[in-house]
Amino acid sequence: MRLELTAGQAGDAPLAAKLLDTVAPGATVIADKAYDTDGICSFVATRGAWANIPPRSTRKATFAFSRWVYRQRNLVECFFNRIKQMRGIATRYDRRPDNFLAAIKLEAVRIWINA
């Protein structure tokens, strides 16, 4: 699992290549509709992995998508929900991005240890 911090107005898809650099061959990448771009899907395919991303409504071509595998993404959503319950992170008291990311990583470790 990797965590990266982006600007509030920036989209998530431009950072996807950096996050997916370490994808192992044979892995499954589960992402939401915001990541449904030809660039991301081809990048994951060149790594030898499978991108299980639901198609956007504007996509004309079809590809393999498993709803059952996509349900596993719920674990990530529950993780972010638990992080947002931490008051300092939800209101972003830290003004410096490196301190804010460090606080998120500390909370992530705390959640994983308690799990």
Protein backbone atom coordinates (compact mmCIF):
# COMPACT_ATOMS: atom_id res chain seq x y z
CA MET A 1 0.00 0.00 0.00
CA ARG A 2 1.32 3.44 -0.93
CA LEU A 3 0.01 6.84 0.15
CA GLU A 4 0.74 10.04 -1.78
CA LEU A 5 -0.48 13.56 -1.12
CA THR A 6 -1.69 15.78 -3.99
CA ALA A 7 -2.94 19.31 -4.19
CA GLY A 8 -6.64 19.77 -3.43
CA GLN A 9 -7.50 20.95 -6.94
CA ALA A 10 -5.40 18.28 -8.69
CA GLY A 11 -6.95 15.13 -10.06
CA ASP A 12 -5.91 11.65 -9.02
CA ALA A 13 -5.32 10.16 -12.46
CA PRO A 14 -2.09 12.12 -13.28
CA LEU A 15 -0.40 10.61 -10.21
CA ALA A 16 -1.45 7.06 -11.11
CA ALA A 17 1.71 6.21 -13.10
CA LYS A 18 3.90 7.08 -10.11
CA LEU A 19 1.79 4.96 -7.77
CA LEU A 20 1.61 2.02 -10.18
CA ASP A 21 5.37 1.80 -10.80
CA THR A 22 5.70 -1.03 -8.29
CA VAL A 23 2.81 -3.17 -9.55
CA ALA A 24 3.91 -6.79 -9.75
CA PRO A 25 3.14 -8.96 -12.78
CA GLY A 26 -0.08 -10.90 -12.26
CA ALA A 27 -1.48 -8.37 -9.78
CA THR A 28 -4.96 -6.88 -9.96
CA VAL A 29 -5.35 -3.10 -9.85
CA ILE A 30 -8.74 -2.06 -8.46
CA ALA A 31 -9.68 1.57 -9.00
CA ASP A 32 -12.79 3.70 -9.43
CA LYS A 33 -14.17 5.27 -12.61
CA ALA A 34 -11.88 8.30 -12.36
CA TYR A 35 -8.98 6.04 -13.36
CA ASP A 36 -10.71 4.66 -16.46
CA THR A 37 -8.33 6.07 -19.07
CA ASP A 38 -6.60 4.31 -21.93
CA GLY A 39 -3.23 5.45 -20.60
CA ILE A 40 -3.68 3.90 -17.18
CA CYS A 41 -5.13 0.66 -18.55
CA SER A 42 -2.27 0.26 -21.05
CA PHE A 43 0.33 1.14 -18.38
CA VAL A 44 -1.04 -1.58 -16.10
CA ALA A 45 -1.16 -4.04 -19.01
CA THR A 46 2.51 -3.38 -19.87
CA ARG A 47 3.37 -4.25 -16.27
CA GLY A 48 1.65 -7.62 -16.71
CA ALA A 49 -1.19 -6.80 -14.33
CA TRP A 50 -4.96 -6.62 -14.76
CA ALA A 51 -6.85 -3.36 -14.35
CA ASN A 52 -10.29 -3.98 -12.85
CA ILE A 53 -11.76 -0.52 -13.35
CA PRO A 54 -15.46 0.06 -14.04
CA PRO A 55 -16.05 1.72 -17.41
CA ARG A 56 -17.20 5.32 -17.51
CA SER A 57 -20.51 6.01 -19.17
CA THR A 58 -18.73 7.80 -22.06
CA ARG A 59 -16.49 4.82 -22.94
CA LYS A 60 -17.38 3.21 -26.23
CA ALA A 61 -15.05 0.18 -26.16
CA THR A 62 -15.70 -2.66 -23.74
CA PHE A 63 -13.20 -4.65 -21.70
CA ALA A 64 -13.15 -7.27 -18.97
CA PHE A 65 -14.54 -6.08 -15.64
CA SER A 66 -15.49 -8.16 -12.60
CA ARG A 67 -18.03 -6.71 -10.18
CA TRP A 68 -17.12 -9.32 -7.56
CA VAL A 69 -13.44 -8.29 -7.56
CA TYR A 70 -14.43 -4.62 -7.54
CA ARG A 71 -16.33 -5.14 -4.28
CA GLN A 72 -12.98 -5.73 -2.57
CA ARG A 73 -12.35 -1.99 -3.00
CA ASN A 74 -14.69 -1.54 -0.03
CA LEU A 75 -11.73 -2.26 2.27
CA VAL A 76 -9.95 0.82 0.95
CA GLU A 77 -13.06 2.97 1.32
CA CYS A 78 -13.48 1.81 4.93
CA PHE A 79 -9.83 2.68 5.58
CA PHE A 80 -10.32 6.24 4.33
CA ASN A 81 -13.51 6.53 6.37
CA ARG A 82 -11.60 5.61 9.53
CA ILE A 83 -8.85 8.11 8.73
CA LYS A 84 -11.42 10.87 8.22
CA GLN A 85 -12.74 10.23 11.73
CA MET A 86 -9.45 11.56 13.13
CA ARG A 87 -10.13 15.22 13.87
CA GLY A 88 -6.65 16.53 13.09
CA ILE A 89 -6.63 14.88 9.69
CA ALA A 90 -10.22 15.69 8.75
CA THR A 91 -9.72 19.40 9.44
CA ARG A 92 -6.08 19.40 8.30
CA TYR A 93 -4.50 21.26 11.19
CA ASP A 94 -1.01 20.76 9.74
CA ARG A 95 -0.22 23.39 7.14
CA ARG A 96 2.92 21.73 5.81
CA PRO A 97 2.25 18.87 3.37
CA ASP A 98 5.05 16.69 4.76
CA ASN A 99 3.66 16.93 8.31
CA PHE A 100 0.14 16.19 7.08
CA LEU A 101 1.30 13.12 5.13
CA ALA A 102 3.27 11.92 8.15
CA ALA A 103 0.14 12.21 10.32
CA ILE A 104 -1.85 10.20 7.77
CA LYS A 105 0.83 7.49 7.68
CA LEU A 106 0.93 7.32 11.48
CA GLU A 107 -2.83 6.89 11.64
CA ALA A 108 -2.64 4.26 8.88
CA VAL A 109 -0.10 2.27 10.90
CA ARG A 110 -2.31 2.57 13.99
CA ILE A 111 -5.34 1.29 12.07
CA TRP A 112 -3.40 -1.64 10.55
CA ILE A 113 -1.94 -2.65 13.93
CA ASN A 114 -5.38 -2.67 15.55
CA ALA A 115 -6.92 -4.67 12.69
